Amino acid sequence: RWDASGILLDTVPVNGGVPINWLINPATGDATQQASGYNVQPRITKLPGDPLQNGGFAYMNVPGAEFRGHQVYRIGSREPGTRELVVYETAPGRRVMIYQGTQGDATGFDPEYGLSDAAGVWFTDYSGRVLWRWQPATGLHKVALAGLPAPPAGPNSGVYENPAGDCVPLK
């Protein structure tokens, strides 16, 4: 995320470990490591009935996804059959629901990244080959993609689609 102090991010070493927090100056690109207690991500309020993962409250921000200045969060887990929510808060504890369901359900929504515009949020999908569009007035809709290149042959290969600017669906 970013604020008046700069671009705030965290990284995790490739083989796992403790997150490292950074503050990046957007004018120069200089990165300064922050103290380990420095909170990069804003927090979301835990509410009664929120899904739990291994007995604890688990959430993550959807990278790149925010709507009108509010970070979009995924609450729950990517484990098949677990309950999950995708929301943003307008104030502590006041949520706008983008999606609620079960991981792996017939909806198939499995957001990986997001890109916001003035009217809503575009989401990529972990499965690839599809985008999702959410708008307050119309809700969440799957946007099928056609004419894409075939994935390369071989293990661990694939083609993933990501919006890269204002998108307008064709009718």
N, C-alpha and C. Protein backbone atom coordinates (compact mmCIF):
# COMPACT_ATOMS: atom_id res chain seq x y z
N ARG A 1 0.85 -1.18 0.00
CA ARG A 1 0.00 0.00 0.00
C ARG A 1 0.88 1.22 0.00
N TRP A 2 0.31 2.38 -0.15
CA TRP A 2 1.08 3.60 -0.09
C TRP A 2 0.33 4.64 0.71
N ASP A 3 1.07 5.55 1.29
CA ASP A 3 0.50 6.67 2.00
C ASP A 3 1.46 7.83 1.87
N ALA A 4 1.30 8.86 2.68
CA ALA A 4 2.11 10.06 2.57
C ALA A 4 3.60 9.79 2.80
N SER A 5 3.93 8.74 3.55
CA SER A 5 5.34 8.46 3.82
C SER A 5 6.03 7.73 2.67
N GLY A 6 5.28 7.13 1.76
CA GLY A 6 5.86 6.41 0.62
C GLY A 6 5.11 5.12 0.36
N ILE A 7 5.77 4.23 -0.37
CA ILE A 7 5.20 2.93 -0.69
C ILE A 7 5.64 1.94 0.38
N LEU A 8 4.69 1.31 1.02
CA LEU A 8 4.96 0.38 2.12
C LEU A 8 4.74 -1.04 1.63
N LEU A 9 5.73 -1.91 1.86
CA LEU A 9 5.56 -3.30 1.44
C LEU A 9 6.32 -4.21 2.37
N ASP A 10 5.99 -5.50 2.26
CA ASP A 10 6.76 -6.48 3.01
C ASP A 10 7.16 -7.61 2.08
N THR A 11 8.25 -8.27 2.41
CA THR A 11 8.73 -9.41 1.65
C THR A 11 8.98 -10.55 2.62
N VAL A 12 8.97 -11.76 2.10
CA VAL A 12 9.29 -12.92 2.90
C VAL A 12 10.42 -13.64 2.17
N PRO A 13 11.46 -14.06 2.88
CA PRO A 13 12.55 -14.79 2.22
C PRO A 13 12.01 -15.98 1.43
N VAL A 14 12.68 -16.34 0.33
CA VAL A 14 12.23 -17.39 -0.57
C VAL A 14 11.93 -18.69 0.16
N ASN A 15 12.74 -19.06 1.10
CA ASN A 15 12.53 -20.32 1.82
C ASN A 15 11.72 -20.14 3.09
N GLY A 16 11.00 -19.02 3.21
CA GLY A 16 10.18 -18.75 4.38
C GLY A 16 10.97 -17.99 5.44
N GLY A 17 10.29 -17.62 6.47
CA GLY A 17 10.94 -16.89 7.55
C GLY A 17 10.15 -15.67 7.95
N VAL A 18 10.81 -14.77 8.63
CA VAL A 18 10.18 -13.57 9.16
C VAL A 18 10.04 -12.52 8.05
N PRO A 19 8.85 -11.91 7.89
CA PRO A 19 8.70 -10.86 6.88
C PRO A 19 9.65 -9.68 7.15
N ILE A 20 10.11 -9.08 6.07
CA ILE A 20 10.96 -7.90 6.14
C ILE A 20 10.14 -6.74 5.59
N ASN A 21 10.06 -5.65 6.35
CA ASN A 21 9.24 -4.49 5.98
C ASN A 21 10.11 -3.42 5.34
N TRP A 22 9.56 -2.77 4.30
CA TRP A 22 10.31 -1.76 3.54
C TRP A 22 9.46 -0.52 3.32
N LEU A 23 10.13 0.62 3.24
CA LEU A 23 9.51 1.88 2.85
C LEU A 23 10.27 2.36 1.61
N ILE A 24 9.54 2.55 0.50
CA ILE A 24 10.16 2.96 -0.75
C ILE A 24 9.79 4.40 -1.06
N ASN A 25 10.79 5.20 -1.38
CA ASN A 25 10.58 6.58 -1.80
C ASN A 25 10.19 6.54 -3.28
N PRO A 26 8.95 6.94 -3.65
CA PRO A 26 8.53 6.83 -5.05
C PRO A 26 9.30 7.76 -5.99
N ALA A 27 9.86 8.84 -5.47
CA ALA A 27 10.60 9.77 -6.33
C ALA A 27 11.97 9.23 -6.70
N THR A 28 12.62 8.51 -5.77
CA THR A 28 13.98 8.04 -6.01
C THR A 28 14.08 6.54 -6.21
N GLY A 29 13.09 5.79 -5.71
CA GLY A 29 13.15 4.34 -5.76
C GLY A 29 13.96 3.74 -4.62
N ASP A 30 14.52 4.58 -3.75
CA ASP A 30 15.31 4.08 -2.62
C ASP A 30 14.41 3.35 -1.63
N ALA A 31 14.88 2.17 -1.18
CA ALA A 31 14.14 1.37 -0.21
C ALA A 31 14.89 1.39 1.11
N THR A 32 14.13 1.59 2.20
CA THR A 32 14.69 1.60 3.54
C THR A 32 14.01 0.51 4.35
N GLN A 33 14.81 -0.41 4.91
CA GLN A 33 14.23 -1.46 5.75
C GLN A 33 13.68 -0.83 7.02
N GLN A 34 12.47 -1.28 7.42
CA GLN A 34 11.80 -0.76 8.60
C GLN A 34 11.97 -1.73 9.76
N ALA A 35 11.74 -1.25 10.95
CA ALA A 35 11.82 -2.09 12.15
C ALA A 35 10.84 -3.25 12.02
N SER A 36 11.13 -4.38 12.64
CA SER A 36 10.29 -5.56 12.49
C SER A 36 8.88 -5.35 13.01
N GLY A 37 8.66 -4.42 13.92
CA GLY A 37 7.32 -4.16 14.43
C GLY A 37 6.51 -3.23 13.55
N TYR A 38 7.11 -2.72 12.49
CA TYR A 38 6.45 -1.78 11.59
C TYR A 38 5.35 -2.51 10.83
N ASN A 39 4.12 -2.02 10.92
CA ASN A 39 2.99 -2.69 10.30
C ASN A 39 2.77 -2.15 8.90
N VAL A 40 3.06 -2.97 7.90
CA VAL A 40 2.89 -2.56 6.52
C VAL A 40 1.42 -2.63 6.10
N GLN A 41 0.78 -3.74 6.43
CA GLN A 41 -0.60 -3.93 6.01
C GLN A 41 -1.57 -3.34 7.02
N PRO A 42 -2.59 -2.66 6.52
CA PRO A 42 -3.63 -2.26 7.45
C PRO A 42 -4.33 -3.51 7.97
N ARG A 43 -4.94 -3.41 9.10
CA ARG A 43 -5.61 -4.56 9.71
C ARG A 43 -7.11 -4.50 9.42
N ILE A 44 -7.72 -5.66 9.37
CA ILE A 44 -9.16 -5.75 9.22
C ILE A 44 -9.74 -6.22 10.55
N THR A 45 -10.92 -5.77 10.87
CA THR A 45 -11.56 -6.10 12.13
C THR A 45 -12.14 -7.50 12.08
N LYS A 46 -11.81 -8.33 13.07
CA LYS A 46 -12.41 -9.66 13.17
C LYS A 46 -13.81 -9.51 13.71
N LEU A 47 -14.76 -10.17 13.05
CA LEU A 47 -16.16 -10.12 13.47
C LEU A 47 -16.64 -11.52 13.85
N PRO A 48 -17.65 -11.61 14.72
CA PRO A 48 -18.21 -12.91 15.06
C PRO A 48 -18.69 -13.62 13.78
N GLY A 49 -18.40 -14.88 13.67
CA GLY A 49 -18.82 -15.65 12.50
C GLY A 49 -17.80 -15.66 11.38
N ASP A 50 -16.71 -14.90 11.50
CA ASP A 50 -15.68 -14.95 10.47
C ASP A 50 -15.09 -16.35 10.41
N PRO A 51 -14.76 -16.84 9.20
CA PRO A 51 -14.15 -18.16 9.11
C PRO A 51 -12.79 -18.19 9.81
N LEU A 52 -12.49 -19.31 10.42
CA LEU A 52 -11.21 -19.50 11.11
C LEU A 52 -10.37 -20.50 10.33
N GLN A 53 -9.05 -20.38 10.45
CA GLN A 53 -8.13 -21.32 9.83
C GLN A 53 -7.23 -21.86 10.94
N ASN A 54 -7.23 -23.15 11.14
CA ASN A 54 -6.45 -23.78 12.21
C ASN A 54 -6.74 -23.12 13.56
N GLY A 55 -8.00 -22.76 13.78
CA GLY A 55 -8.41 -22.18 15.05
C GLY A 55 -8.13 -20.70 15.19
N GLY A 56 -7.53 -20.06 14.19
CA GLY A 56 -7.21 -18.64 14.27
C GLY A 56 -7.82 -17.85 13.13
N PHE A 57 -7.88 -16.55 13.28
CA PHE A 57 -8.42 -15.64 12.29
C PHE A 57 -7.36 -15.42 11.21
N ALA A 58 -7.64 -15.84 9.98
CA ALA A 58 -6.67 -15.72 8.90
C ALA A 58 -7.24 -14.82 7.81
N TYR A 59 -6.45 -13.86 7.38
CA TYR A 59 -6.85 -12.99 6.29
C TYR A 59 -5.61 -12.54 5.54
N MET A 60 -5.83 -12.07 4.32
CA MET A 60 -4.75 -11.48 3.54
C MET A 60 -5.34 -10.37 2.68
N ASN A 61 -4.53 -9.37 2.38
CA ASN A 61 -5.02 -8.39 1.43
C ASN A 61 -4.86 -8.99 0.04
N VAL A 62 -5.80 -8.68 -0.85
CA VAL A 62 -5.71 -9.13 -2.23
C VAL A 62 -4.77 -8.14 -2.91
N PRO A 63 -3.57 -8.58 -3.33
CA PRO A 63 -2.59 -7.62 -3.86
C PRO A 63 -3.16 -6.77 -4.98
N GLY A 64 -2.98 -5.47 -4.86
CA GLY A 64 -3.42 -4.52 -5.88
C GLY A 64 -4.88 -4.13 -5.79
N ALA A 65 -5.66 -4.83 -4.99
CA ALA A 65 -7.10 -4.60 -4.96
C ALA A 65 -7.48 -3.64 -3.84
N GLU A 66 -8.05 -2.54 -4.23
CA GLU A 66 -8.65 -1.61 -3.28
C GLU A 66 -9.81 -0.97 -4.01
N PHE A 67 -10.75 -0.44 -3.25
CA PHE A 67 -11.88 0.24 -3.87
C PHE A 67 -12.13 1.53 -3.13
N ARG A 68 -12.00 2.61 -3.87
CA ARG A 68 -12.20 3.97 -3.33
C ARG A 68 -11.42 4.17 -2.04
N GLY A 69 -10.16 3.73 -2.06
CA GLY A 69 -9.27 3.93 -0.92
C GLY A 69 -9.35 2.88 0.17
N HIS A 70 -10.14 1.84 -0.02
CA HIS A 70 -10.29 0.79 0.98
C HIS A 70 -9.66 -0.50 0.47
N GLN A 71 -8.72 -1.06 1.23
CA GLN A 71 -8.05 -2.29 0.87
C GLN A 71 -9.04 -3.46 0.84
N VAL A 72 -8.95 -4.31 -0.18
CA VAL A 72 -9.78 -5.51 -0.29
C VAL A 72 -9.05 -6.67 0.37
N TYR A 73 -9.78 -7.43 1.20
CA TYR A 73 -9.22 -8.56 1.94
C TYR A 73 -9.92 -9.85 1.59
N ARG A 74 -9.17 -10.93 1.69
CA ARG A 74 -9.72 -12.27 1.59
C ARG A 74 -9.59 -12.89 2.97
N ILE A 75 -10.71 -13.31 3.54
CA ILE A 75 -10.73 -13.92 4.87
C ILE A 75 -11.01 -15.40 4.69
N GLY A 76 -10.19 -16.23 5.31
CA GLY A 76 -10.35 -17.67 5.20
C GLY A 76 -9.10 -18.30 4.62
N SER A 77 -9.28 -19.35 3.87
CA SER A 77 -8.16 -20.14 3.38
C SER A 77 -8.44 -20.59 1.95
N ARG A 78 -7.39 -20.97 1.25
CA ARG A 78 -7.53 -21.54 -0.10
C ARG A 78 -7.69 -23.05 -0.05
N GLU A 79 -7.79 -23.62 1.13
CA GLU A 79 -7.99 -25.07 1.23
C GLU A 79 -9.39 -25.41 0.78
N PRO A 80 -9.54 -26.42 -0.10
CA PRO A 80 -10.86 -26.79 -0.60
C PRO A 80 -11.85 -27.04 0.54
N GLY A 81 -13.06 -26.54 0.35
CA GLY A 81 -14.13 -26.75 1.31
C GLY A 81 -14.19 -25.76 2.45
N THR A 82 -13.22 -24.86 2.57
CA THR A 82 -13.25 -23.89 3.66
C THR A 82 -14.07 -22.66 3.26
N ARG A 83 -14.74 -22.09 4.25
CA ARG A 83 -15.54 -20.89 4.04
C ARG A 83 -14.61 -19.70 3.84
N GLU A 84 -14.97 -18.81 2.91
CA GLU A 84 -14.15 -17.63 2.68
C GLU A 84 -15.02 -16.42 2.33
N LEU A 85 -14.46 -15.25 2.61
CA LEU A 85 -15.10 -13.98 2.32
C LEU A 85 -14.09 -13.10 1.59
N VAL A 86 -14.58 -12.24 0.70
CA VAL A 86 -13.77 -11.18 0.10
C VAL A 86 -14.54 -9.89 0.38
N VAL A 87 -13.90 -8.97 1.11
CA VAL A 87 -14.59 -7.79 1.61
C VAL A 87 -13.65 -6.58 1.62
N TYR A 88 -14.23 -5.41 1.84
CA TYR A 88 -13.44 -4.25 2.27
C TYR A 88 -14.22 -3.56 3.37
N GLU A 89 -13.50 -2.82 4.20
CA GLU A 89 -14.13 -2.11 5.31
C GLU A 89 -14.21 -0.62 5.00
N THR A 90 -15.37 -0.03 5.28
CA THR A 90 -15.52 1.41 5.15
C THR A 90 -15.21 2.11 6.46
N ALA A 91 -15.26 1.36 7.55
CA ALA A 91 -14.89 1.80 8.91
C ALA A 91 -14.65 0.50 9.68
N PRO A 92 -13.95 0.56 10.82
CA PRO A 92 -13.70 -0.68 11.56
C PRO A 92 -14.99 -1.46 11.83
N GLY A 93 -15.03 -2.70 11.31
CA GLY A 93 -16.20 -3.55 11.51
C GLY A 93 -17.34 -3.34 10.53
N ARG A 94 -17.27 -2.33 9.67
CA ARG A 94 -18.33 -2.08 8.68
C ARG A 94 -17.82 -2.52 7.31
N ARG A 95 -18.33 -3.65 6.86
CA ARG A 95 -17.83 -4.28 5.64
C ARG A 95 -18.76 -4.16 4.46
N VAL A 96 -18.15 -4.16 3.30
CA VAL A 96 -18.87 -4.33 2.04
C VAL A 96 -18.46 -5.70 1.52
N MET A 97 -19.45 -6.55 1.28
CA MET A 97 -19.20 -7.93 0.85
C MET A 97 -19.04 -7.97 -0.67
N ILE A 98 -17.91 -8.48 -1.13
CA ILE A 98 -17.69 -8.70 -2.55
C ILE A 98 -18.04 -10.14 -2.90
N TYR A 99 -17.66 -11.06 -2.02
CA TYR A 99 -17.93 -12.48 -2.25
C TYR A 99 -17.99 -13.20 -0.91
N GLN A 100 -18.87 -14.18 -0.80
CA GLN A 100 -18.83 -15.14 0.30
C GLN A 100 -19.22 -16.49 -0.25
N GLY A 101 -18.46 -17.48 0.12
CA GLY A 101 -18.71 -18.82 -0.39
C GLY A 101 -17.76 -19.81 0.23
N THR A 102 -17.52 -20.87 -0.50
CA THR A 102 -16.65 -21.95 -0.04
C THR A 102 -15.57 -22.16 -1.10
N GLN A 103 -14.33 -22.26 -0.65
CA GLN A 103 -13.23 -22.49 -1.59
C GLN A 103 -13.50 -23.74 -2.40
N GLY A 104 -13.48 -23.61 -3.74
CA GLY A 104 -13.73 -24.74 -4.63
C GLY A 104 -15.19 -24.95 -4.98
N ASP A 105 -16.08 -24.01 -4.57
CA ASP A 105 -17.50 -24.17 -4.88
C ASP A 105 -17.76 -23.93 -6.37
N ALA A 106 -19.02 -24.07 -6.77
CA ALA A 106 -19.39 -23.96 -8.18
C ALA A 106 -19.11 -22.56 -8.75
N THR A 107 -19.07 -21.54 -7.89
CA THR A 107 -18.76 -20.19 -8.39
C THR A 107 -17.38 -20.18 -9.01
N GLY A 108 -16.42 -20.81 -8.36
CA GLY A 108 -15.07 -20.89 -8.90
C GLY A 108 -14.23 -19.66 -8.68
N PHE A 109 -14.69 -18.71 -7.88
CA PHE A 109 -13.94 -17.47 -7.63
C PHE A 109 -12.76 -17.77 -6.71
N ASP A 110 -11.55 -17.48 -7.20
CA ASP A 110 -10.32 -17.74 -6.46
C ASP A 110 -9.35 -16.60 -6.76
N PRO A 111 -9.59 -15.41 -6.17
CA PRO A 111 -8.85 -14.22 -6.57
C PRO A 111 -7.37 -14.26 -6.22
N GLU A 112 -6.55 -13.83 -7.17
CA GLU A 112 -5.11 -13.77 -6.95
C GLU A 112 -4.65 -12.32 -6.83
N TYR A 113 -4.97 -11.49 -7.82
CA TYR A 113 -4.60 -10.08 -7.81
C TYR A 113 -5.82 -9.25 -8.15
N GLY A 114 -5.74 -7.94 -7.90
CA GLY A 114 -6.83 -7.05 -8.25
C GLY A 114 -6.32 -5.77 -8.89
N LEU A 115 -7.17 -5.14 -9.64
CA LEU A 115 -6.88 -3.83 -10.21
C LEU A 115 -8.17 -3.03 -10.15
N SER A 116 -8.10 -1.89 -9.50
CA SER A 116 -9.29 -1.07 -9.30
C SER A 116 -9.39 0.00 -10.36
N ASP A 117 -10.62 0.39 -10.64
CA ASP A 117 -10.88 1.59 -11.43
C ASP A 117 -12.01 2.34 -10.74
N ALA A 118 -12.48 3.39 -11.32
CA ALA A 118 -13.49 4.22 -10.65
C ALA A 118 -14.80 3.48 -10.40
N ALA A 119 -15.10 2.45 -11.18
CA ALA A 119 -16.39 1.78 -11.07
C ALA A 119 -16.35 0.46 -10.30
N GLY A 120 -15.17 -0.10 -10.07
CA GLY A 120 -15.13 -1.40 -9.40
C GLY A 120 -13.73 -1.97 -9.36
N VAL A 121 -13.67 -3.30 -9.28
CA VAL A 121 -12.39 -4.01 -9.19
C VAL A 121 -12.39 -5.16 -10.18
N TRP A 122 -11.28 -5.29 -10.91
CA TRP A 122 -11.00 -6.46 -11.75
C TRP A 122 -10.15 -7.41 -10.93
N PHE A 123 -10.48 -8.69 -10.95
CA PHE A 123 -9.70 -9.70 -10.23
C PHE A 123 -9.15 -10.72 -11.22
N THR A 124 -7.88 -11.11 -11.02
CA THR A 124 -7.35 -12.27 -11.72
C THR A 124 -7.72 -13.49 -10.90
N ASP A 125 -7.43 -14.66 -11.45
CA ASP A 125 -7.83 -15.89 -10.79
C ASP A 125 -6.65 -16.85 -10.76
N TYR A 126 -6.49 -17.56 -9.65
CA TYR A 126 -5.40 -18.52 -9.54
C TYR A 126 -5.44 -19.56 -10.65
N SER A 127 -6.62 -19.86 -11.17
CA SER A 127 -6.73 -20.87 -12.22
C SER A 127 -6.28 -20.34 -13.58
N GLY A 128 -6.22 -19.01 -13.73
CA GLY A 128 -5.89 -18.44 -15.03
C GLY A 128 -7.07 -18.56 -15.98
N ARG A 129 -6.93 -18.03 -17.16
CA ARG A 129 -7.91 -18.15 -18.24
C ARG A 129 -9.24 -17.47 -17.98
N VAL A 130 -9.34 -16.67 -16.91
CA VAL A 130 -10.58 -15.98 -16.61
C VAL A 130 -10.25 -14.73 -15.79
N LEU A 131 -11.08 -13.71 -15.94
CA LEU A 131 -11.03 -12.53 -15.07
C LEU A 131 -12.39 -12.42 -14.40
N TRP A 132 -12.44 -11.66 -13.32
CA TRP A 132 -13.68 -11.41 -12.59
C TRP A 132 -13.85 -9.91 -12.48
N ARG A 133 -15.08 -9.46 -12.54
CA ARG A 133 -15.39 -8.03 -12.40
C ARG A 133 -16.39 -7.88 -11.28
N TRP A 134 -16.07 -6.97 -10.33
CA TRP A 134 -17.00 -6.64 -9.26
C TRP A 134 -17.30 -5.15 -9.32
N GLN A 135 -18.59 -4.83 -9.25
CA GLN A 135 -19.06 -3.45 -9.14
C GLN A 135 -20.15 -3.42 -8.08
N PRO A 136 -20.22 -2.34 -7.29
CA PRO A 136 -21.22 -2.28 -6.22
C PRO A 136 -22.65 -2.53 -6.71
N ALA A 137 -23.00 -1.98 -7.86
CA ALA A 137 -24.39 -2.08 -8.32
C ALA A 137 -24.73 -3.44 -8.93
N THR A 138 -23.74 -4.13 -9.50
CA THR A 138 -24.03 -5.38 -10.22
C THR A 138 -23.43 -6.62 -9.59
N GLY A 139 -22.56 -6.46 -8.59
CA GLY A 139 -21.97 -7.61 -7.93
C GLY A 139 -20.79 -8.19 -8.69
N LEU A 140 -20.51 -9.45 -8.44
CA LEU A 140 -19.36 -10.15 -8.98
C LEU A 140 -19.77 -10.97 -10.20
N HIS A 141 -18.99 -10.83 -11.29
CA HIS A 141 -19.30 -11.56 -12.53
C HIS A 141 -18.02 -12.12 -13.14
N LYS A 142 -18.12 -13.31 -13.67
CA LYS A 142 -17.02 -13.96 -14.36
C LYS A 142 -16.94 -13.40 -15.77
N VAL A 143 -15.72 -13.12 -16.23
CA VAL A 143 -15.51 -12.62 -17.59
C VAL A 143 -14.65 -13.66 -18.31
N ALA A 144 -15.29 -14.43 -19.19
CA ALA A 144 -14.56 -15.46 -19.94
C ALA A 144 -13.64 -14.80 -20.95
N LEU A 145 -12.49 -15.38 -21.16
CA LEU A 145 -11.52 -14.86 -22.11
C LEU A 145 -11.42 -15.82 -23.29
N ALA A 146 -11.29 -15.26 -24.49
CA ALA A 146 -11.21 -16.07 -25.70
C ALA A 146 -10.00 -15.64 -26.51
N GLY A 147 -9.50 -16.55 -27.34
CA GLY A 147 -8.40 -16.23 -28.25
C GLY A 147 -7.05 -16.15 -27.58
N LEU A 148 -6.91 -16.77 -26.41
CA LEU A 148 -5.63 -16.73 -25.70
C LEU A 148 -4.67 -17.76 -26.28
N PRO A 149 -3.37 -17.53 -26.14
CA PRO A 149 -2.41 -18.53 -26.61
C PRO A 149 -2.50 -19.79 -25.76
N ALA A 150 -2.13 -20.90 -26.35
CA ALA A 150 -2.12 -22.17 -25.62
C ALA A 150 -1.00 -22.12 -24.58
N PRO A 151 -1.21 -22.74 -23.42
CA PRO A 151 -0.12 -22.79 -22.45
C PRO A 151 1.06 -23.57 -23.01
N PRO A 152 2.28 -23.20 -22.62
CA PRO A 152 3.44 -23.98 -23.07
C PRO A 152 3.37 -25.40 -22.52
N ALA A 153 3.99 -26.32 -23.23
CA ALA A 153 4.01 -27.72 -22.79
C ALA A 153 4.97 -27.87 -21.61
N GLY A 154 4.72 -28.86 -20.79
CA GLY A 154 5.64 -29.15 -19.71
C GLY A 154 5.05 -28.89 -18.35
N PRO A 155 5.70 -29.49 -17.34
CA PRO A 155 5.20 -29.30 -15.97
C PRO A 155 5.43 -27.86 -15.50
N ASN A 156 4.57 -27.42 -14.60
CA ASN A 156 4.68 -26.09 -13.99
C ASN A 156 4.66 -24.96 -15.02
N SER A 157 3.96 -25.15 -16.10
CA SER A 157 3.85 -24.08 -17.10
C SER A 157 2.39 -23.66 -17.19
N GLY A 158 2.17 -22.44 -17.62
CA GLY A 158 0.82 -21.95 -17.75
C GLY A 158 0.80 -20.55 -18.31
N VAL A 159 -0.39 -20.07 -18.57
CA VAL A 159 -0.61 -18.70 -19.03
C VAL A 159 -1.56 -18.05 -18.04
N TYR A 160 -1.17 -16.91 -17.53
CA TYR A 160 -2.02 -16.20 -16.57
C TYR A 160 -2.33 -14.82 -17.12
N GLU A 161 -3.54 -14.38 -16.91
CA GLU A 161 -4.01 -13.12 -17.44
C GLU A 161 -4.11 -12.11 -16.32
N ASN A 162 -3.61 -10.91 -16.55
CA ASN A 162 -3.68 -9.85 -15.57
C ASN A 162 -4.10 -8.55 -16.24
N PRO A 163 -5.08 -7.84 -15.68
CA PRO A 163 -5.40 -6.54 -16.23
C PRO A 163 -4.24 -5.58 -16.00
N ALA A 164 -4.04 -4.66 -16.92
CA ALA A 164 -2.90 -3.75 -16.81
C ALA A 164 -3.33 -2.33 -17.16
N GLY A 165 -4.40 -1.87 -16.57
CA GLY A 165 -4.92 -0.54 -16.83
C GLY A 165 -6.42 -0.61 -16.86
N ASP A 166 -7.05 0.49 -17.19
CA ASP A 166 -8.51 0.50 -17.25
C ASP A 166 -8.99 -0.52 -18.27
N CYS A 167 -9.89 -1.38 -17.86
CA CYS A 167 -10.43 -2.42 -18.73
C CYS A 167 -11.90 -2.13 -19.02
N VAL A 168 -12.31 -2.40 -20.22
CA VAL A 168 -13.70 -2.23 -20.59
C VAL A 168 -14.15 -3.53 -21.24
N PRO A 169 -15.12 -4.25 -20.65
CA PRO A 169 -15.54 -5.50 -21.27
C PRO A 169 -16.25 -5.25 -22.59
N LEU A 170 -16.00 -6.11 -23.56
CA LEU A 170 -16.66 -6.01 -24.86
C LEU A 170 -18.03 -6.65 -24.74
N LYS A 171 -18.97 -6.13 -25.46
CA LYS A 171 -20.34 -6.66 -25.42
C LYS A 171 -20.62 -7.48 -26.65
